[in-house]
C-alpha atoms as a PDB file:
ATOM      1  CA  MET A   1      13.237   2.982   4.578  1.00  0.00           C
ATOM      2  CA  THR A   2      14.431   6.096   7.285  1.00  0.00           C
ATOM      3  CA  ALA A   3      16.817   5.421   8.392  1.00  0.00           C
ATOM      4  CA  PRO A   4      17.677   5.291  12.692  1.00  0.00           C
ATOM      5  CA  CYS A   5      18.772   8.666  13.008  1.00  0.00           C
ATOM      6  CA  THR A   6      17.893  12.045  13.323  1.00  0.00           C
ATOM      7  CA  GLY A   7      18.000  14.457   9.939  1.00  0.00           C
ATOM      8  CA  VAL A   8      19.278  18.603  11.036  1.00  0.00           C
ATOM      9  CA  ILE A   9      19.291  20.864   9.288  1.00  0.00           C
ATOM     10  CA  LEU A  10      21.135  23.401  10.673  1.00  0.00           C
ATOM     11  CA  ALA A  11      19.350  27.462   9.999  1.00  0.00           C
ATOM     12  CA  GLY A  12      22.049  30.290  11.865  1.00  0.00           C
ATOM     13  CA  GLY A  13      19.093  33.194  11.180  1.00  0.00           C
ATOM     14  CA  LEU A  14      20.463  36.198   8.983  1.00  0.00           C
ATOM     15  CA  SER A  15      23.227  36.657   6.861  1.00  0.00           C
ATOM     16  CA  ARG A  16      24.331  39.926   6.099  1.00  0.00           C
ATOM     17  CA  ARG A  17      25.859  39.696   2.593  1.00  0.00           C
ATOM     18  CA  PHE A  18      22.283  38.971   1.975  1.00  0.00           C
ATOM     19  CA  CYS A  19      21.101  42.439   3.565  1.00  0.00           C
ATOM     20  CA  GLY A  20      19.767  40.114   6.815  1.00  0.00           C
ATOM     21  CA  GLN A  21      17.893  37.783   5.039  1.00  0.00           C
ATOM     22  CA  ASN A  22      17.441  33.929   5.571  1.00  0.00           C
ATOM     23  CA  LYS A  23      19.994  31.790   3.260  1.00  0.00           C
ATOM     24  CA  ALA A  24      17.117  29.497   3.855  1.00  0.00           C
ATOM     25  CA  PHE A  25      14.487  30.430   1.812  1.00  0.00           C
ATOM     26  CA  LEU A  26      16.759  31.704  -0.846  1.00  0.00           C
ATOM     27  CA  ASP A  27      15.390  30.487  -3.757  1.00  0.00           C
ATOM     28  CA  VAL A  28      17.454  28.226  -6.152  1.00  0.00           C
ATOM     29  CA  GLY A  29      16.470  26.733  -9.978  1.00  0.00           C
ATOM     30  CA  GLY A  30      12.582  27.927  -8.726  1.00  0.00           C
ATOM     31  CA  ARG A  31      12.524  26.358  -4.976  1.00  0.00           C
ATOM     32  CA  ARG A  32      13.868  27.101  -1.621  1.00  0.00           C
ATOM     33  CA  ILE A  33      17.436  26.041  -0.311  1.00  0.00           C
ATOM     34  CA  ILE A  34      14.951  24.675   3.097  1.00  0.00           C
ATOM     35  CA  ASP A  35      12.739  22.971   0.981  1.00  0.00           C
ATOM     36  CA  ARG A  36      15.421  21.354  -1.646  1.00  0.00           C
ATOM     37  CA  LEU A  37      17.039  19.904   2.067  1.00  0.00           C
ATOM     38  CA  LEU A  38      13.353  18.452   3.883  1.00  0.00           C
ATOM     39  CA  ALA A  39      12.623  17.050  -0.370  1.00  0.00           C
ATOM     40  CA  VAL A  40      16.425  15.074   0.791  1.00  0.00           C
ATOM     41  CA  TYR A  41      15.458  14.619   4.542  1.00  0.00           C
ATOM     42  CA  GLN A  42      12.096  13.697   3.808  1.00  0.00           C
ATOM     43  CA  THR A  43      13.852  10.151   2.247  1.00  0.00           C
ATOM     44  CA  ILE A  44      15.508   9.164   4.580  1.00  0.00           C
ATOM     45  CA  PHE A  45      14.865  10.690   7.944  1.00  0.00           C
ATOM     46  CA  ASP A  46      11.389  10.237   9.840  1.00  0.00           C
ATOM     47  CA  GLU A  47      12.932  12.444  12.790  1.00  0.00           C
ATOM     48  CA  ILE A  48      13.384  15.705  11.029  1.00  0.00           C
ATOM     49  CA  ILE A  49      14.447  19.662  13.335  1.00  0.00           C
ATOM     50  CA  ILE A  50      16.133  22.116  12.387  1.00  0.00           C
ATOM     51  CA  VAL A  51      18.339  24.519  14.905  1.00  0.00           C
ATOM     52  CA  THR A  52      17.222  28.060  14.661  1.00  0.00           C
ATOM     53  CA  ASN A  53      17.465  31.148  16.929  1.00  0.00           C
ATOM     54  CA  ASP A  54      13.831  32.640  14.653  1.00  0.00           C
ATOM     55  CA  PRO A  55      11.628  29.311  15.788  1.00  0.00           C
ATOM     56  CA  ARG A  56       8.470  32.025  13.788  1.00  0.00           C
ATOM     57  CA  ALA A  57       9.668  31.876  10.577  1.00  0.00           C
ATOM     58  CA  TYR A  58       9.926  27.595  10.005  1.00  0.00           C
ATOM     59  CA  LEU A  59       6.050  26.590  11.990  1.00  0.00           C
ATOM     60  CA  ASP A  60       4.917  26.175   8.530  1.00  0.00           C
ATOM     61  CA  LEU A  61       7.994  23.297   8.239  1.00  0.00           C
ATOM     62  CA  ASP A  62       6.526  19.485   8.850  1.00  0.00           C
ATOM     63  CA  ALA A  63       9.908  19.558  11.313  1.00  0.00           C
ATOM     64  CA  ALA A  64      11.175  19.495  15.419  1.00  0.00           C
ATOM     65  CA  ILE A  65      11.905  23.287  15.539  1.00  0.00           C
ATOM     66  CA  VAL A  66      14.610  23.384  18.195  1.00  0.00           C
ATOM     67  CA  THR A  67      16.886  27.187  19.107  1.00  0.00           C
ATOM     68  CA  ASP A  68      20.577  26.774  20.493  1.00  0.00           C
ATOM     69  CA  ILE A  69      21.021  26.322  24.156  1.00  0.00           C
ATOM     70  CA  PHE A  70      23.868  28.203  24.125  1.00  0.00           C
ATOM     71  CA  PRO A  71      24.473  31.456  24.179  1.00  0.00           C
ATOM     72  CA  TYR A  72      27.071  31.405  21.246  1.00  0.00           C
ATOM     73  CA  ARG A  73      26.900  31.954  17.236  1.00  0.00           C
ATOM     74  CA  SER A  74      28.278  29.276  16.113  1.00  0.00           C
ATOM     75  CA  SER A  75      27.839  25.711  14.047  1.00  0.00           C
ATOM     76  CA  LEU A  76      29.216  23.730  17.464  1.00  0.00           C
ATOM     77  CA  THR A  77      25.722  25.182  19.212  1.00  0.00           C
ATOM     78  CA  GLY A  78      24.033  24.428  16.262  1.00  0.00           C
ATOM     79  CA  ILE A  79      25.510  20.818  16.764  1.00  0.00           C
ATOM     80  CA  HIS A  80      25.069  20.604  20.731  1.00  0.00           C
ATOM     81  CA  ALA A  81      21.603  21.375  20.303  1.00  0.00           C
ATOM     82  CA  GLY A  82      21.052  18.881  17.117  1.00  0.00           C
ATOM     83  CA  LEU A  83      22.195  16.226  18.926  1.00  0.00           C
ATOM     84  CA  PHE A  84      20.344  17.913  22.824  1.00  0.00           C
ATOM     85  CA  HIS A  85      17.154  17.350  20.902  1.00  0.00           C
ATOM     86  CA  ALA A  86      17.375  14.300  19.539  1.00  0.00           C
ATOM     87  CA  THR A  87      15.917  11.240  20.075  1.00  0.00           C
ATOM     88  CA  ARG A  88      18.178   8.684  17.926  1.00  0.00           C
ATOM     89  CA  PRO A  89      21.641   7.272  18.525  1.00  0.00           C
ATOM     90  CA  TYR A  90      22.841   9.406  15.780  1.00  0.00           C
ATOM     91  CA  ALA A  91      22.124  12.477  13.455  1.00  0.00           C
ATOM     92  CA  PHE A  92      22.685  13.999  10.437  1.00  0.00           C
ATOM     93  CA  PHE A  93      23.773  17.418  10.943  1.00  0.00           C
ATOM     94  CA  ALA A  94      23.266  19.596   6.801  1.00  0.00           C
ATOM     95  CA  ALA A  95      23.652  23.428   6.549  1.00  0.00           C
ATOM     96  CA  CYS A  96      20.756  25.443   5.517  1.00  0.00           C
ATOM     97  CA  ASP A  97      22.605  26.718   2.877  1.00  0.00           C
ATOM     98  CA  THR A  98      24.085  24.053   0.314  1.00  0.00           C
ATOM     99  CA  PRO A  99      21.026  23.387  -2.404  1.00  0.00           C
ATOM    100  CA  PHE A 100      23.063  20.231  -3.352  1.00  0.00           C
ATOM    101  CA  LEU A 101      22.888  17.880  -0.870  1.00  0.00           C
ATOM    102  CA  SER A 102      22.761  14.523  -3.101  1.00  0.00           C
ATOM    103  CA  PRO A 103      20.844  11.377  -1.153  1.00  0.00           C
ATOM    104  CA  GLY A 104      23.640   9.413  -2.516  1.00  0.00           C
ATOM    105  CA  VAL A 105      26.485  11.361  -0.409  1.00  0.00           C
ATOM    106  CA  VAL A 106      23.723  10.744   2.903  1.00  0.00           C
ATOM    107  CA  HIS A 107      23.643   7.214   2.406  1.00  0.00           C
ATOM    108  CA  GLN A 108      27.377   7.195   2.323  1.00  0.00           C
ATOM    109  CA  ILE A 109      27.878   8.600   5.202  1.00  0.00           C
ATOM    110  CA  LEU A 110      25.233   6.929   6.586  1.00  0.00           C
ATOM    111  CA  ASN A 111      26.483   3.590   5.991  1.00  0.00           C
ATOM    112  CA  ALA A 112      30.030   3.862   7.108  1.00  0.00           C
ATOM    113  CA  LEU A 113      29.333   4.079  10.387  1.00  0.00           C
ATOM    114  CA  SER A 114      29.960   1.020  12.946  1.00  0.00           C
ATOM    115  CA  PRO A 115      29.722   0.253  16.722  1.00  0.00           C
ATOM    116  CA  GLY A 116      31.610   1.781  18.290  1.00  0.00           C
ATOM    117  CA  LEU A 117      32.527   4.684  16.280  1.00  0.00           C
ATOM    118  CA  ASP A 118      31.712   8.367  17.499  1.00  0.00           C
ATOM    119  CA  GLY A 119      30.780  10.026  13.945  1.00  0.00           C
ATOM    120  CA  VAL A 120      31.744  10.330  10.144  1.00  0.00           C
ATOM    121  CA  VAL A 121      32.834  13.185   8.181  1.00  0.00           C
ATOM    122  CA  PRO A 122      34.012  13.504   5.132  1.00  0.00           C
ATOM    123  CA  GLN A 123      37.625  15.332   3.643  1.00  0.00           C
ATOM    124  CA  THR A 124      37.877  16.471   0.187  1.00  0.00           C
ATOM    125  CA  SER A 125      40.903  18.922  -0.789  1.00  0.00           C
ATOM    126  CA  MET A 126      39.397  21.802   1.399  1.00  0.00           C
ATOM    127  CA  GLY A 127      39.493  20.235   4.832  1.00  0.00           C
ATOM    128  CA  PHE A 128      37.015  18.288   7.430  1.00  0.00           C
ATOM    129  CA  GLU A 129      32.996  18.429   5.585  1.00  0.00           C
ATOM    130  CA  PRO A 130      32.126  18.894   9.634  1.00  0.00           C
ATOM    131  CA  LEU A 131      28.913  20.332   7.969  1.00  0.00           C
ATOM    132  CA  CYS A 132      27.335  17.840   5.759  1.00  0.00           C
ATOM    133  CA  ALA A 133      28.110  14.339   8.280  1.00  0.00           C
ATOM    134  CA  VAL A 134      27.101  11.961  11.166  1.00  0.00           C
ATOM    135  CA  TYR A 135      27.043  12.348  14.983  1.00  0.00           C
ATOM    136  CA  ALA A 136      26.340  10.344  17.600  1.00  0.00           C
ATOM    137  CA  GLN A 137      24.271  11.979  20.167  1.00  0.00           C
ATOM    138  CA  ARG A 138      27.264  11.283  23.511  1.00  0.00           C
ATOM    139  CA  CYS A 139      29.046  13.660  21.156  1.00  0.00           C
ATOM    140  CA  CYS A 140      26.814  16.193  23.346  1.00  0.00           C
ATOM    141  CA  GLY A 141      28.913  16.118  26.266  1.00  0.00           C
ATOM    142  CA  VAL A 142      32.194  16.339  24.969  1.00  0.00           C
ATOM    143  CA  ILE A 143      30.742  19.327  22.929  1.00  0.00           C
ATOM    144  CA  ALA A 144      29.373  20.906  26.006  1.00  0.00           C
ATOM    145  CA  GLN A 145      32.692  21.091  27.574  1.00  0.00           C
ATOM    146  CA  ARG A 146      33.812  22.689  24.907  1.00  0.00           C
ATOM    147  CA  LEU A 147      31.034  25.988  24.511  1.00  0.00           C
ATOM    148  CA  ASN A 148      31.211  25.923  28.359  1.00  0.00           C
ATOM    149  CA  ASN A 149      34.837  26.600  27.577  1.00  0.00           C
ATOM    150  CA  GLN A 150      34.020  28.539  24.636  1.00  0.00           C
ATOM    151  CA  ARG A 151      35.777  26.626  22.045  1.00  0.00           C
ATOM    152  CA  PHE A 152      33.821  26.391  19.092  1.00  0.00           C
ATOM    153  CA  GLN A 153      36.360  25.221  16.197  1.00  0.00           C
ATOM    154  CA  ILE A 154      33.908  21.618  14.744  1.00  0.00           C
ATOM    155  CA  LYS A 155      37.354  19.716  14.740  1.00  0.00           C
ATOM    156  CA  GLY A 156      39.236  20.753  17.982  1.00  0.00           C
ATOM    157  CA  PHE A 157      36.693  17.007  19.281  1.00  0.00           C
ATOM    158  CA  PHE A 158      37.584  15.327  16.545  1.00  0.00           C
ATOM    159  CA  LYS A 159      40.598  14.385  18.683  1.00  0.00           C
ATOM    160  CA  LYS A 160      38.848  13.135  21.736  1.00  0.00           C
ATOM    161  CA  LEU A 161      36.761  11.109  19.246  1.00  0.00           C
ATOM    162  CA  ARG A 162      36.338   7.981  16.692  1.00  0.00           C
ATOM    163  CA  ILE A 163      35.506   9.302  13.775  1.00  0.00           C
ATOM    164  CA  ARG A 164      35.591   7.789  10.920  1.00  0.00           C
ATOM    165  CA  THR A 165      36.528  10.114   7.924  1.00  0.00           C
ATOM    166  CA  LEU A 166      35.529   9.294   3.867  1.00  0.00           C
ATOM    167  CA  SER A 167      37.848  10.349   1.081  1.00  0.00           C
ATOM    168  CA  GLU A 168      37.090  12.272  -1.604  1.00  0.00           C
ATOM    169  CA  LYS A 169      37.551   9.775  -4.097  1.00  0.00           C
ATOM    170  CA  SER A 170      35.037   7.449  -2.075  1.00  0.00           C
ATOM    171  CA  LEU A 171      32.331  11.066  -1.854  1.00  0.00           C
ATOM    172  CA  ARG A 172      33.330  11.005  -5.778  1.00  0.00           C
ATOM    173  CA  GLN A 173      31.650   8.194  -6.786  1.00  0.00           C
ATOM    174  CA  GLN A 174      28.014   9.730  -4.886  1.00  0.00           C
ATOM    175  CA  ASP A 175      28.746  12.619  -5.749  1.00  0.00           C
ATOM    176  CA  PRO A 176      31.131  13.344  -8.785  1.00  0.00           C
ATOM    177  CA  GLU A 177      31.482  17.137  -9.382  1.00  0.00           C
ATOM    178  CA  LEU A 178      30.805  17.192  -5.083  1.00  0.00           C
ATOM    179  CA  ARG A 179      27.988  19.099  -5.051  1.00  0.00           C
ATOM    180  CA  SER A 180      26.426  17.971  -1.843  1.00  0.00           C
ATOM    181  CA  PHE A 181      29.769  20.518  -0.641  1.00  0.00           C
ATOM    182  CA  PHE A 182      28.620  23.583  -2.101  1.00  0.00           C
ATOM    183  CA  ASN A 183      27.454  26.265  -0.076  1.00  0.00           C
ATOM    184  CA  ILE A 184      25.779  29.960  -0.827  1.00  0.00           C
ATOM    185  CA  ASN A 185      28.157  32.542   1.411  1.00  0.00           C
ATOM    186  CA  THR A 186      28.073  35.514  -1.326  1.00  0.00           C
ATOM    187  CA  PRO A 187      25.971  36.686  -4.021  1.00  0.00           C
ATOM    188  CA  ASP A 188      28.653  35.058  -6.742  1.00  0.00           C
ATOM    189  CA  ASP A 189      27.672  31.683  -5.016  1.00  0.00           C
ATOM    190  CA  LEU A 190      24.208  32.033  -6.089  1.00  0.00           C
ATOM    191  CA  ALA A 191      24.195  33.132  -9.052  1.00  0.00           C
ATOM    192  CA  ARG A 192      26.864  30.008  -9.594  1.00  0.00           C
ATOM    193  CA  ALA A 193      24.030  27.941  -7.772  1.00  0.00           C
ATOM    194  CA  GLN A 194      21.189  29.486 -10.242  1.00  0.00           C
ATOM    195  CA  GLU A 195      23.981  27.740 -13.479  1.00  0.00           C
ATOM    196  CA  ILE A 196      23.770  24.656 -11.689  1.00  0.00           C
ATOM    197  CA  ALA A 197      19.996  24.386 -10.812  1.00  0.00           C
ATOM    198  CA  ALA A 198      19.631  25.586 -13.913  1.00  0.00           C
ATOM    199  CA  LEU A 199      22.139  22.201 -15.564  1.00  0.00           C
ATOM    200  CA  LEU A 200      20.630  19.258 -13.044  1.00  0.00           C
ATOM    201  CA  ASP A 201      17.493  20.081 -14.211  1.00  0.00           C
ATOM    202  CA  THR A 202      18.011  20.355 -17.800  1.00  0.00           C
ATOM    203  CA  PRO A 203      16.144  17.074 -19.372  1.00  0.00           C
END
């Protein structure tokens, strides 16, 4: 059963640490990260959006492709674009460099929604995880106001909204190693991701 929520993948663009290669298309365990994310999304969401400034690279994928509305390179800009184009009252977001998103964690976040809430954000010992979270479509105006003022910190708008956090303890019930929040920023991270993928794919 799909959720009454849009699934959004933030695919910002090229990475200087990977010689200009798009991290969404990095191979992890024989599968591109974008394909790993779509495999999760397609079991949960009936509307999927990819936010990217390189739309032609994603034309072969079964998802709506949109670009940023504000001319700033920031994750908050991508969240705004996803919410702006979403047709559901809520949108779940994940970054394109997170290869191990757990469906259980996604469902846990969505199930924590309740009437009146503007979002649900995981919080681990590393802090908020705002790029593995769900936000109400009505947050779009508040975010646009912050972007107009060139204020790009995502958690900066939490104070203006009703945001529920999920504790690390509760998250570990679905994802004991918190791999959903593992993202690839460096070649070392990619090497570690290959090790994790090999473990997960071992019978």
